[in-house]
Amino acid sequence: MMIVNTDYIAGKEFEMLGLVKGSTVQSKNIGKDIGSGFKTLIGGELKSYTQMMNEARFIATERMIEEAGKLGADAVVNVRYTSSSVMQGAAEVIAYGTAVKFVN
């Protein structure tokens, strides 16, 4: 399955099948939250949150691909990500795009 963030794929013609998406809500445990809270006092990367968000994007992408596969898609174009805080220490990540089928 091809996944691109453009609205075209060079050399390919396709028909649109529809919007597909995948999402997840991720959080870190209280110990990581406390440690990250202290880190904000001195600055720098919050590595546990970076890892959490990378994992969340991966899961959301896999779920989007699964949904596209159910439609018989060959690719997902115009892929985008968005995230939002749903509560302290927890974030939702959504991956979405347009499922397409290649035309022969």
PDB file of N, CA and C in Angstrom:
ATOM      1  N   MET A   1       0.866  -1.177   0.000  1.00  0.00           N
ATOM      2  CA  MET A   1       0.000   0.000   0.000  1.00  0.00           C
ATOM      3  C   MET A   1       0.906   1.230   0.000  1.00  0.00           C
ATOM      4  N   MET A   2       0.664   2.103  -0.959  1.00  0.00           N
ATOM      5  CA  MET A   2       1.418   3.360  -1.014  1.00  0.00           C
ATOM      6  C   MET A   2       0.729   4.389  -0.127  1.00  0.00           C
ATOM      7  N   ILE A   3       1.521   5.134   0.621  1.00  0.00           N
ATOM      8  CA  ILE A   3       1.017   6.198   1.484  1.00  0.00           C
ATOM      9  C   ILE A   3       1.803   7.456   1.136  1.00  0.00           C
ATOM     10  N   VAL A   4       1.099   8.501   0.676  1.00  0.00           N
ATOM     11  CA  VAL A   4       1.779   9.742   0.303  1.00  0.00           C
ATOM     12  C   VAL A   4       1.022  10.938   0.872  1.00  0.00           C
ATOM     13  N   ASN A   5       1.764  12.025   1.053  1.00  0.00           N
ATOM     14  CA  ASN A   5       1.107  13.235   1.565  1.00  0.00           C
ATOM     15  C   ASN A   5       0.809  14.237   0.454  1.00  0.00           C
ATOM     16  N   THR A   6       0.895  13.791  -0.793  1.00  0.00           N
ATOM     17  CA  THR A   6       0.522  14.622  -1.934  1.00  0.00           C
ATOM     18  C   THR A   6      -0.841  14.155  -2.445  1.00  0.00           C
ATOM     19  N   ASP A   7      -1.457  14.952  -3.297  1.00  0.00           N
ATOM     20  CA  ASP A   7      -2.761  14.552  -3.833  1.00  0.00           C
ATOM     21  C   ASP A   7      -2.623  13.825  -5.170  1.00  0.00           C
ATOM     22  N   TYR A   8      -1.415  13.417  -5.505  1.00  0.00           N
ATOM     23  CA  TYR A   8      -1.166  12.672  -6.737  1.00  0.00           C
ATOM     24  C   TYR A   8      -0.032  11.685  -6.505  1.00  0.00           C
ATOM     25  N   ILE A   9       0.074  10.716  -7.408  1.00  0.00           N
ATOM     26  CA  ILE A   9       1.203   9.792  -7.441  1.00  0.00           C
ATOM     27  C   ILE A   9       1.700   9.820  -8.868  1.00  0.00           C
ATOM     28  N   ALA A  10       2.927  10.231  -9.054  1.00  0.00           N
ATOM     29  CA  ALA A  10       3.490  10.384 -10.395  1.00  0.00           C
ATOM     30  C   ALA A  10       3.313   9.099 -11.207  1.00  0.00           C
ATOM     31  N   GLY A  11       2.760   9.257 -12.415  1.00  0.00           N
ATOM     32  CA  GLY A  11       2.585   8.139 -13.322  1.00  0.00           C
ATOM     33  C   GLY A  11       1.391   7.248 -13.029  1.00  0.00           C
ATOM     34  N   LYS A  12       0.592   7.599 -12.059  1.00  0.00           N
ATOM     35  CA  LYS A  12      -0.565   6.770 -11.698  1.00  0.00           C
ATOM     36  C   LYS A  12      -1.856   7.557 -11.871  1.00  0.00           C
ATOM     37  N   GLU A  13      -2.846   6.889 -12.413  1.00  0.00           N
ATOM     38  CA  GLU A  13      -4.204   7.427 -12.443  1.00  0.00           C
ATOM     39  C   GLU A  13      -5.015   6.607 -11.463  1.00  0.00           C
ATOM     40  N   PHE A  14      -5.935   7.263 -10.783  1.00  0.00           N
ATOM     41  CA  PHE A  14      -6.704   6.523  -9.788  1.00  0.00           C
ATOM     42  C   PHE A  14      -8.084   7.120  -9.615  1.00  0.00           C
ATOM     43  N   GLU A  15      -8.946   6.288  -9.027  1.00  0.00           N
ATOM     44  CA  GLU A  15     -10.284   6.745  -8.643  1.00  0.00           C
ATOM     45  C   GLU A  15     -10.326   6.806  -7.117  1.00  0.00           C
ATOM     46  N   MET A  16     -11.025   7.785  -6.607  1.00  0.00           N
ATOM     47  CA  MET A  16     -11.125   7.962  -5.160  1.00  0.00           C
ATOM     48  C   MET A  16     -12.173   7.020  -4.592  1.00  0.00           C
ATOM     49  N   LEU A  17     -11.822   6.386  -3.489  1.00  0.00           N
ATOM     50  CA  LEU A  17     -12.749   5.486  -2.810  1.00  0.00           C
ATOM     51  C   LEU A  17     -13.389   6.138  -1.590  1.00  0.00           C
ATOM     52  N   GLY A  18     -12.693   7.097  -1.000  1.00  0.00           N
ATOM     53  CA  GLY A  18     -13.261   7.791   0.149  1.00  0.00           C
ATOM     54  C   GLY A  18     -12.246   8.071   1.237  1.00  0.00           C
ATOM     55  N   LEU A  19     -12.699   8.801   2.214  1.00  0.00           N
ATOM     56  CA  LEU A  19     -11.877   9.175   3.356  1.00  0.00           C
ATOM     57  C   LEU A  19     -11.621   7.960   4.234  1.00  0.00           C
ATOM     58  N   VAL A  20     -10.370   7.817   4.658  1.00  0.00           N
ATOM     59  CA  VAL A  20     -10.014   6.772   5.622  1.00  0.00           C
ATOM     60  C   VAL A  20      -9.261   7.426   6.764  1.00  0.00           C
ATOM     61  N   LYS A  21      -9.394   6.830   7.942  1.00  0.00           N
ATOM     62  CA  LYS A  21      -8.723   7.402   9.100  1.00  0.00           C
ATOM     63  C   LYS A  21      -8.384   6.308  10.090  1.00  0.00           C
ATOM     64  N   GLY A  22      -7.473   6.660  10.956  1.00  0.00           N
ATOM     65  CA  GLY A  22      -7.116   5.789  12.065  1.00  0.00           C
ATOM     66  C   GLY A  22      -6.752   6.683  13.233  1.00  0.00           C
ATOM     67  N   SER A  23      -7.046   6.230  14.442  1.00  0.00           N
ATOM     68  CA  SER A  23      -6.723   7.062  15.601  1.00  0.00           C
ATOM     69  C   SER A  23      -6.350   6.206  16.790  1.00  0.00           C
ATOM     70  N   THR A  24      -5.721   6.837  17.756  1.00  0.00           N
ATOM     71  CA  THR A  24      -5.400   6.211  19.030  1.00  0.00           C
ATOM     72  C   THR A  24      -5.257   7.299  20.074  1.00  0.00           C
ATOM     73  N   VAL A  25      -5.505   6.938  21.317  1.00  0.00           N
ATOM     74  CA  VAL A  25      -5.246   7.824  22.445  1.00  0.00           C
ATOM     75  C   VAL A  25      -4.165   7.150  23.277  1.00  0.00           C
ATOM     76  N   GLN A  26      -3.102   7.876  23.511  1.00  0.00           N
ATOM     77  CA  GLN A  26      -1.956   7.328  24.232  1.00  0.00           C
ATOM     78  C   GLN A  26      -1.676   8.160  25.477  1.00  0.00           C
ATOM     79  N   SER A  27      -1.140   7.495  26.492  1.00  0.00           N
ATOM     80  CA  SER A  27      -0.708   8.209  27.699  1.00  0.00           C
ATOM     81  C   SER A  27       0.527   7.519  28.262  1.00  0.00           C
ATOM     82  N   LYS A  28       1.248   8.233  29.094  1.00  0.00           N
ATOM     83  CA  LYS A  28       2.389   7.676  29.809  1.00  0.00           C
ATOM     84  C   LYS A  28       1.978   7.449  31.247  1.00  0.00           C
ATOM     85  N   ASN A  29       2.712   6.597  31.929  1.00  0.00           N
ATOM     86  CA  ASN A  29       2.360   6.332  33.321  1.00  0.00           C
ATOM     87  C   ASN A  29       2.732   7.509  34.223  1.00  0.00           C
ATOM     88  N   ILE A  30       2.221   7.500  35.428  1.00  0.00           N
ATOM     89  CA  ILE A  30       2.390   8.623  36.350  1.00  0.00           C
ATOM     90  C   ILE A  30       3.867   8.911  36.636  1.00  0.00           C
ATOM     91  N   GLY A  31       4.690   7.881  36.714  1.00  0.00           N
ATOM     92  CA  GLY A  31       6.126   8.087  36.951  1.00  0.00           C
ATOM     93  C   GLY A  31       6.772   8.880  35.831  1.00  0.00           C
ATOM     94  N   LYS A  32       6.424   8.553  34.587  1.00  0.00           N
ATOM     95  CA  LYS A  32       6.962   9.284  33.432  1.00  0.00           C
ATOM     96  C   LYS A  32       6.433  10.714  33.417  1.00  0.00           C
ATOM     97  N   ASP A  33       5.160  10.890  33.813  1.00  0.00           N
ATOM     98  CA  ASP A  33       4.587  12.240  33.867  1.00  0.00           C
ATOM     99  C   ASP A  33       5.329  13.108  34.880  1.00  0.00           C
ATOM    100  N   ILE A  34       5.599  12.556  36.033  1.00  0.00           N
ATOM    101  CA  ILE A  34       6.311  13.322  37.062  1.00  0.00           C
ATOM    102  C   ILE A  34       7.717  13.665  36.589  1.00  0.00           C
ATOM    103  N   GLY A  35       8.413  12.691  36.017  1.00  0.00           N
ATOM    104  CA  GLY A  35       9.763  12.936  35.493  1.00  0.00           C
ATOM    105  C   GLY A  35       9.766  13.993  34.405  1.00  0.00           C
ATOM    106  N   SER A  36       8.786  13.935  33.516  1.00  0.00           N
ATOM    107  CA  SER A  36       8.692  14.927  32.438  1.00  0.00           C
ATOM    108  C   SER A  36       8.342  16.295  32.997  1.00  0.00           C
ATOM    109  N   GLY A  37       7.549  16.322  34.056  1.00  0.00           N
ATOM    110  CA  GLY A  37       7.219  17.595  34.701  1.00  0.00           C
ATOM    111  C   GLY A  37       8.464  18.288  35.229  1.00  0.00           C
ATOM    112  N   PHE A  38       9.356  17.521  35.838  1.00  0.00           N
ATOM    113  CA  PHE A  38      10.614  18.104  36.313  1.00  0.00           C
ATOM    114  C   PHE A  38      11.471  18.583  35.146  1.00  0.00           C
ATOM    115  N   LYS A  39      11.447  17.847  34.041  1.00  0.00           N
ATOM    116  CA  LYS A  39      12.242  18.206  32.859  1.00  0.00           C
ATOM    117  C   LYS A  39      11.809  19.562  32.312  1.00  0.00           C
ATOM    118  N   THR A  40      10.530  19.900  32.441  1.00  0.00           N
ATOM    119  CA  THR A  40      10.062  21.188  31.924  1.00  0.00           C
ATOM    120  C   THR A  40      10.674  22.359  32.689  1.00  0.00           C
ATOM    121  N   LEU A  41      11.148  22.103  33.891  1.00  0.00           N
ATOM    122  CA  LEU A  41      11.784  23.169  34.673  1.00  0.00           C
ATOM    123  C   LEU A  41      13.141  23.560  34.102  1.00  0.00           C
ATOM    124  N   ILE A  42      13.850  22.584  33.521  1.00  0.00           N
ATOM    125  CA  ILE A  42      15.190  22.881  33.001  1.00  0.00           C
ATOM    126  C   ILE A  42      15.233  22.955  31.482  1.00  0.00           C
ATOM    127  N   GLY A  43      14.184  22.495  30.836  1.00  0.00           N
ATOM    128  CA  GLY A  43      14.116  22.555  29.372  1.00  0.00           C
ATOM    129  C   GLY A  43      14.712  21.320  28.729  1.00  0.00           C
ATOM    130  N   GLY A  44      14.483  21.193  27.449  1.00  0.00           N
ATOM    131  CA  GLY A  44      14.995  20.070  26.685  1.00  0.00           C
ATOM    132  C   GLY A  44      13.878  19.166  26.195  1.00  0.00           C
ATOM    133  N   GLU A  45      14.269  18.172  25.446  1.00  0.00           N
ATOM    134  CA  GLU A  45      13.310  17.245  24.857  1.00  0.00           C
ATOM    135  C   GLU A  45      12.713  16.322  25.916  1.00  0.00           C
ATOM    136  N   LEU A  46      11.427  16.121  25.843  1.00  0.00           N
ATOM    137  CA  LEU A  46      10.738  15.171  26.711  1.00  0.00           C
ATOM    138  C   LEU A  46      10.675  13.845  25.955  1.00  0.00           C
ATOM    139  N   LYS A  47      11.755  13.064  26.084  1.00  0.00           N
ATOM    140  CA  LYS A  47      11.921  11.871  25.247  1.00  0.00           C
ATOM    141  C   LYS A  47      10.806  10.854  25.416  1.00  0.00           C
ATOM    142  N   SER A  48      10.278  10.709  26.616  1.00  0.00           N
ATOM    143  CA  SER A  48       9.197   9.733  26.793  1.00  0.00           C
ATOM    144  C   SER A  48       7.949  10.156  26.025  1.00  0.00           C
ATOM    145  N   TYR A  49       7.708  11.472  25.928  1.00  0.00           N
ATOM    146  CA  TYR A  49       6.562  11.958  25.156  1.00  0.00           C
ATOM    147  C   TYR A  49       6.834  11.883  23.660  1.00  0.00           C
ATOM    148  N   THR A  50       8.066  12.129  23.255  1.00  0.00           N
ATOM    149  CA  THR A  50       8.424  11.967  21.843  1.00  0.00           C
ATOM    150  C   THR A  50       8.177  10.528  21.418  1.00  0.00           C
ATOM    151  N   GLN A  51       8.621   9.576  22.239  1.00  0.00           N
ATOM    152  CA  GLN A  51       8.407   8.163  21.947  1.00  0.00           C
ATOM    153  C   GLN A  51       6.917   7.837  21.918  1.00  0.00           C
ATOM    154  N   MET A  52       6.166   8.366  22.885  1.00  0.00           N
ATOM    155  CA  MET A  52       4.728   8.121  22.940  1.00  0.00           C
ATOM    156  C   MET A  52       4.049   8.607  21.660  1.00  0.00           C
ATOM    157  N   MET A  53       4.400   9.809  21.202  1.00  0.00           N
ATOM    158  CA  MET A  53       3.763  10.364  20.004  1.00  0.00           C
ATOM    159  C   MET A  53       4.181   9.594  18.757  1.00  0.00           C
ATOM    160  N   ASN A  54       5.441   9.154  18.679  1.00  0.00           N
ATOM    161  CA  ASN A  54       5.872   8.335  17.543  1.00  0.00           C
ATOM    162  C   ASN A  54       5.087   7.032  17.495  1.00  0.00           C
ATOM    163  N   GLU A  55       4.919   6.397  18.652  1.00  0.00           N
ATOM    164  CA  GLU A  55       4.122   5.158  18.720  1.00  0.00           C
ATOM    165  C   GLU A  55       2.675   5.423  18.310  1.00  0.00           C
ATOM    166  N   ALA A  56       2.126   6.534  18.774  1.00  0.00           N
ATOM    167  CA  ALA A  56       0.734   6.868  18.451  1.00  0.00           C
ATOM    168  C   ALA A  56       0.565   7.103  16.956  1.00  0.00           C
ATOM    169  N   ARG A  57       1.504   7.820  16.323  1.00  0.00           N
ATOM    170  CA  ARG A  57       1.409   8.037  14.875  1.00  0.00           C
ATOM    171  C   ARG A  57       1.481   6.714  14.117  1.00  0.00           C
ATOM    172  N   PHE A  58       2.364   5.812  14.570  1.00  0.00           N
ATOM    173  CA  PHE A  58       2.489   4.503  13.924  1.00  0.00           C
ATOM    174  C   PHE A  58       1.175   3.733  14.016  1.00  0.00           C
ATOM    175  N   ILE A  59       0.587   3.683  15.205  1.00  0.00           N
ATOM    176  CA  ILE A  59      -0.673   2.954  15.401  1.00  0.00           C
ATOM    177  C   ILE A  59      -1.783   3.576  14.560  1.00  0.00           C
ATOM    178  N   ALA A  60      -1.892   4.902  14.576  1.00  0.00           N
ATOM    179  CA  ALA A  60      -2.936   5.579  13.801  1.00  0.00           C
ATOM    180  C   ALA A  60      -2.762   5.306  12.308  1.00  0.00           C
ATOM    181  N   THR A  61      -1.518   5.320  11.837  1.00  0.00           N
ATOM    182  CA  THR A  61      -1.250   5.040  10.417  1.00  0.00           C
ATOM    183  C   THR A  61      -1.645   3.613  10.068  1.00  0.00           C
ATOM    184  N   GLU A  62      -1.290   2.656  10.913  1.00  0.00           N
ATOM    185  CA  GLU A  62      -1.647   1.261  10.660  1.00  0.00           C
ATOM    186  C   GLU A  62      -3.162   1.082  10.605  1.00  0.00           C
ATOM    187  N   ARG A  63      -3.875   1.764  11.473  1.00  0.00           N
ATOM    188  CA  ARG A  63      -5.343   1.657  11.478  1.00  0.00           C
ATOM    189  C   ARG A  63      -5.948   2.294  10.236  1.00  0.00           C
ATOM    190  N   MET A  64      -5.346   3.388   9.765  1.00  0.00           N
ATOM    191  CA  MET A  64      -5.800   4.028   8.539  1.00  0.00           C
ATOM    192  C   MET A  64      -5.570   3.082   7.352  1.00  0.00           C
ATOM    193  N   ILE A  65      -4.410   2.455   7.296  1.00  0.00           N
ATOM    194  CA  ILE A  65      -4.088   1.514   6.221  1.00  0.00           C
ATOM    195  C   ILE A  65      -5.057   0.329   6.243  1.00  0.00           C
ATOM    196  N   GLU A  66      -5.375  -0.159   7.434  1.00  0.00           N
ATOM    197  CA  GLU A  66      -6.331  -1.264   7.565  1.00  0.00           C
ATOM    198  C   GLU A  66      -7.702  -0.877   7.010  1.00  0.00           C
ATOM    199  N   GLU A  67      -8.139   0.330   7.324  1.00  0.00           N
ATOM    200  CA  GLU A  67      -9.433   0.805   6.813  1.00  0.00           C
ATOM    201  C   GLU A  67      -9.394   0.929   5.289  1.00  0.00           C
ATOM    202  N   ALA A  68      -8.289   1.430   4.753  1.00  0.00           N
ATOM    203  CA  ALA A  68      -8.138   1.553   3.297  1.00  0.00           C
ATOM    204  C   ALA A  68      -8.144   0.173   2.636  1.00  0.00           C
ATOM    205  N   GLY A  69      -7.490  -0.786   3.272  1.00  0.00           N
ATOM    206  CA  GLY A  69      -7.463  -2.149   2.744  1.00  0.00           C
ATOM    207  C   GLY A  69      -8.853  -2.755   2.647  1.00  0.00           C
ATOM    208  N   LYS A  70      -9.706  -2.455   3.612  1.00  0.00           N
ATOM    209  CA  LYS A  70     -11.076  -2.965   3.596  1.00  0.00           C
ATOM    210  C   LYS A  70     -11.876  -2.411   2.418  1.00  0.00           C
ATOM    211  N   LEU A  71     -11.453  -1.238   1.915  1.00  0.00           N
ATOM    212  CA  LEU A  71     -12.109  -0.646   0.747  1.00  0.00           C
ATOM    213  C   LEU A  71     -11.500  -1.134  -0.561  1.00  0.00           C
ATOM    214  N   GLY A  72     -10.431  -1.920  -0.481  1.00  0.00           N
ATOM    215  CA  GLY A  72      -9.754  -2.401  -1.682  1.00  0.00           C
ATOM    216  C   GLY A  72      -8.801  -1.380  -2.270  1.00  0.00           C
ATOM    217  N   ALA A  73      -8.317  -0.476  -1.465  1.00  0.00           N
ATOM    218  CA  ALA A  73      -7.439   0.601  -1.947  1.00  0.00           C
ATOM    219  C   ALA A  73      -6.051   0.084  -2.298  1.00  0.00           C
ATOM    220  N   ASP A  74      -5.440   0.762  -3.268  1.00  0.00           N
ATOM    221  CA  ASP A  74      -4.045   0.518  -3.628  1.00  0.00           C
ATOM    222  C   ASP A  74      -3.122   1.514  -2.943  1.00  0.00           C
ATOM    223  N   ALA A  75      -3.692   2.654  -2.526  1.00  0.00           N
ATOM    224  CA  ALA A  75      -2.882   3.715  -1.927  1.00  0.00           C
ATOM    225  C   ALA A  75      -3.770   4.638  -1.109  1.00  0.00           C
ATOM    226  N   VAL A  76      -3.122   5.447  -0.291  1.00  0.00           N
ATOM    227  CA  VAL A  76      -3.803   6.530   0.419  1.00  0.00           C
ATOM    228  C   VAL A  76      -3.032   7.799   0.089  1.00  0.00           C
ATOM    229  N   VAL A  77      -3.743   8.779  -0.455  1.00  0.00           N
ATOM    230  CA  VAL A  77      -3.107  10.043  -0.844  1.00  0.00           C
ATOM    231  C   VAL A  77      -3.542  11.156   0.103  1.00  0.00           C
ATOM    232  N   ASN A  78      -2.771  12.230   0.055  1.00  0.00           N
ATOM    233  CA  ASN A  78      -3.070  13.432   0.840  1.00  0.00           C
ATOM    234  C   ASN A  78      -3.167  13.115   2.339  1.00  0.00           C
ATOM    235  N   VAL A  79      -2.240  12.275   2.827  1.00  0.00           N
ATOM    236  CA  VAL A  79      -2.260  11.852   4.225  1.00  0.00           C
ATOM    237  C   VAL A  79      -1.856  13.009   5.131  1.00  0.00           C
ATOM    238  N   ARG A  80      -2.587  13.160   6.205  1.00  0.00           N
ATOM    239  CA  ARG A  80      -2.337  14.203   7.202  1.00  0.00           C
ATOM    240  C   ARG A  80      -2.446  13.596   8.592  1.00  0.00           C
ATOM    241  N   TYR A  81      -1.814  14.267   9.543  1.00  0.00           N
ATOM    242  CA  TYR A  81      -1.884  13.880  10.950  1.00  0.00           C
ATOM    243  C   TYR A  81      -2.351  15.069  11.760  1.00  0.00           C
ATOM    244  N   THR A  82      -3.076  14.777  12.809  1.00  0.00           N
ATOM    245  CA  THR A  82      -3.449  15.812  13.756  1.00  0.00           C
ATOM    246  C   THR A  82      -3.428  15.188  15.140  1.00  0.00           C
ATOM    247  N   SER A  83      -3.222  16.015  16.132  1.00  0.00           N
ATOM    248  CA  SER A  83      -3.234  15.518  17.505  1.00  0.00           C
ATOM    249  C   SER A  83      -3.911  16.536  18.398  1.00  0.00           C
ATOM    250  N   SER A  84      -4.407  16.026  19.501  1.00  0.00           N
ATOM    251  CA  SER A  84      -5.025  16.909  20.484  1.00  0.00           C
ATOM    252  C   SER A  84      -4.894  16.273  21.857  1.00  0.00           C
ATOM    253  N   SER A  85      -4.868  17.098  22.849  1.00  0.00           N
ATOM    254  CA  SER A  85      -4.822  16.631  24.221  1.00  0.00           C
ATOM    255  C   SER A  85      -6.240  16.289  24.650  1.00  0.00           C
ATOM    256  N   VAL A  86      -6.419  15.089  25.184  1.00  0.00           N
ATOM    257  CA  VAL A  86      -7.746  14.706  25.648  1.00  0.00           C
ATOM    258  C   VAL A  86      -7.844  14.805  27.165  1.00  0.00           C
ATOM    259  N   MET A  87      -6.696  14.802  27.823  1.00  0.00           N
ATOM    260  CA  MET A  87      -6.602  15.020  29.265  1.00  0.00           C
ATOM    261  C   MET A  87      -5.124  15.195  29.593  1.00  0.00           C
ATOM    262  N   GLN A  88      -4.819  15.602  30.796  1.00  0.00           N
ATOM    263  CA  GLN A  88      -3.417  15.791  31.173  1.00  0.00           C
ATOM    264  C   GLN A  88      -2.647  14.494  30.965  1.00  0.00           C
ATOM    265  N   GLY A  89      -1.591  14.547  30.155  1.00  0.00           N
ATOM    266  CA  GLY A  89      -0.751  13.384  29.937  1.00  0.00           C
ATOM    267  C   GLY A  89      -1.248  12.406  28.891  1.00  0.00           C
ATOM    268  N   ALA A  90      -2.351  12.713  28.216  1.00  0.00           N
ATOM    269  CA  ALA A  90      -2.880  11.816  27.188  1.00  0.00           C
ATOM    270  C   ALA A  90      -3.185  12.612  25.922  1.00  0.00           C
ATOM    271  N   ALA A  91      -2.835  12.025  24.787  1.00  0.00           N
ATOM    272  CA  ALA A  91      -3.057  12.705  23.514  1.00  0.00           C
ATOM    273  C   ALA A  91      -3.696  11.754  22.516  1.00  0.00           C
ATOM    274  N   GLU A  92      -4.586  12.306  21.706  1.00  0.00           N
ATOM    275  CA  GLU A  92      -5.165  11.560  20.594  1.00  0.00           C
ATOM    276  C   GLU A  92      -4.411  11.942  19.335  1.00  0.00           C
ATOM    277  N   VAL A  93      -4.064  10.951  18.547  1.00  0.00           N
ATOM    278  CA  VAL A  93      -3.446  11.178  17.246  1.00  0.00           C
ATOM    279  C   VAL A  93      -4.355  10.563  16.199  1.00  0.00           C
ATOM    280  N   ILE A  94      -4.621  11.332  15.143  1.00  0.00           N
ATOM    281  CA  ILE A  94      -5.452  10.867  14.042  1.00  0.00           C
ATOM    282  C   ILE A  94      -4.640  10.967  12.756  1.00  0.00           C
ATOM    283  N   ALA A  95      -4.652   9.901  11.979  1.00  0.00           N
ATOM    284  CA  ALA A  95      -4.080   9.896  10.628  1.00  0.00           C
ATOM    285  C   ALA A  95      -5.258   9.778   9.672  1.00  0.00           C
ATOM    286  N   TYR A  96      -5.266  10.597   8.623  1.00  0.00           N
ATOM    287  CA  TYR A  96      -6.376  10.520   7.674  1.00  0.00           C
ATOM    288  C   TYR A  96      -5.891  10.870   6.280  1.00  0.00           C
ATOM    289  N   GLY A  97      -6.621  10.367   5.297  1.00  0.00           N
ATOM    290  CA  GLY A  97      -6.297  10.628   3.898  1.00  0.00           C
ATOM    291  C   GLY A  97      -7.401  10.074   3.012  1.00  0.00           C
ATOM    292  N   THR A  98      -7.142  10.068   1.724  1.00  0.00           N
ATOM    293  CA  THR A  98      -8.118   9.582   0.749  1.00  0.00           C
ATOM    294  C   THR A  98      -7.641   8.255   0.176  1.00  0.00           C
ATOM    295  N   ALA A  99      -8.444   7.225   0.349  1.00  0.00           N
ATOM    296  CA  ALA A  99      -8.146   5.913  -0.223  1.00  0.00           C
ATOM    297  C   ALA A  99      -8.416   5.967  -1.723  1.00  0.00           C
ATOM    298  N   VAL A 100      -7.505   5.401  -2.502  1.00  0.00           N
ATOM    299  CA  VAL A 100      -7.655   5.394  -3.967  1.00  0.00           C
ATOM    300  C   VAL A 100      -7.363   4.015  -4.533  1.00  0.00           C
ATOM    301  N   LYS A 101      -7.950   3.763  -5.693  1.00  0.00           N
ATOM    302  CA  LYS A 101      -7.734   2.527  -6.443  1.00  0.00           C
ATOM    303  C   LYS A 101      -7.129   2.898  -7.792  1.00  0.00           C
ATOM    304  N   PHE A 102      -6.016   2.271  -8.145  1.00  0.00           N
ATOM    305  CA  PHE A 102      -5.371   2.561  -9.425  1.00  0.00           C
ATOM    306  C   PHE A 102      -6.234   2.119 -10.594  1.00  0.00           C
ATOM    307  N   VAL A 103      -6.249   2.947 -11.650  1.00  0.00           N
ATOM    308  CA  VAL A 103      -6.972   2.633 -12.873  1.00  0.00           C
ATOM    309  C   VAL A 103      -5.966   2.102 -13.871  1.00  0.00           C
ATOM    310  N   ASN A 104      -6.283   0.939 -14.461  1.00  0.00           N
ATOM    311  CA  ASN A 104      -5.337   0.309 -15.424  1.00  0.00           C
ATOM    312  C   ASN A 104      -5.345   0.999 -16.737  1.00  0.00           C
TER     313      ASN A 104
END
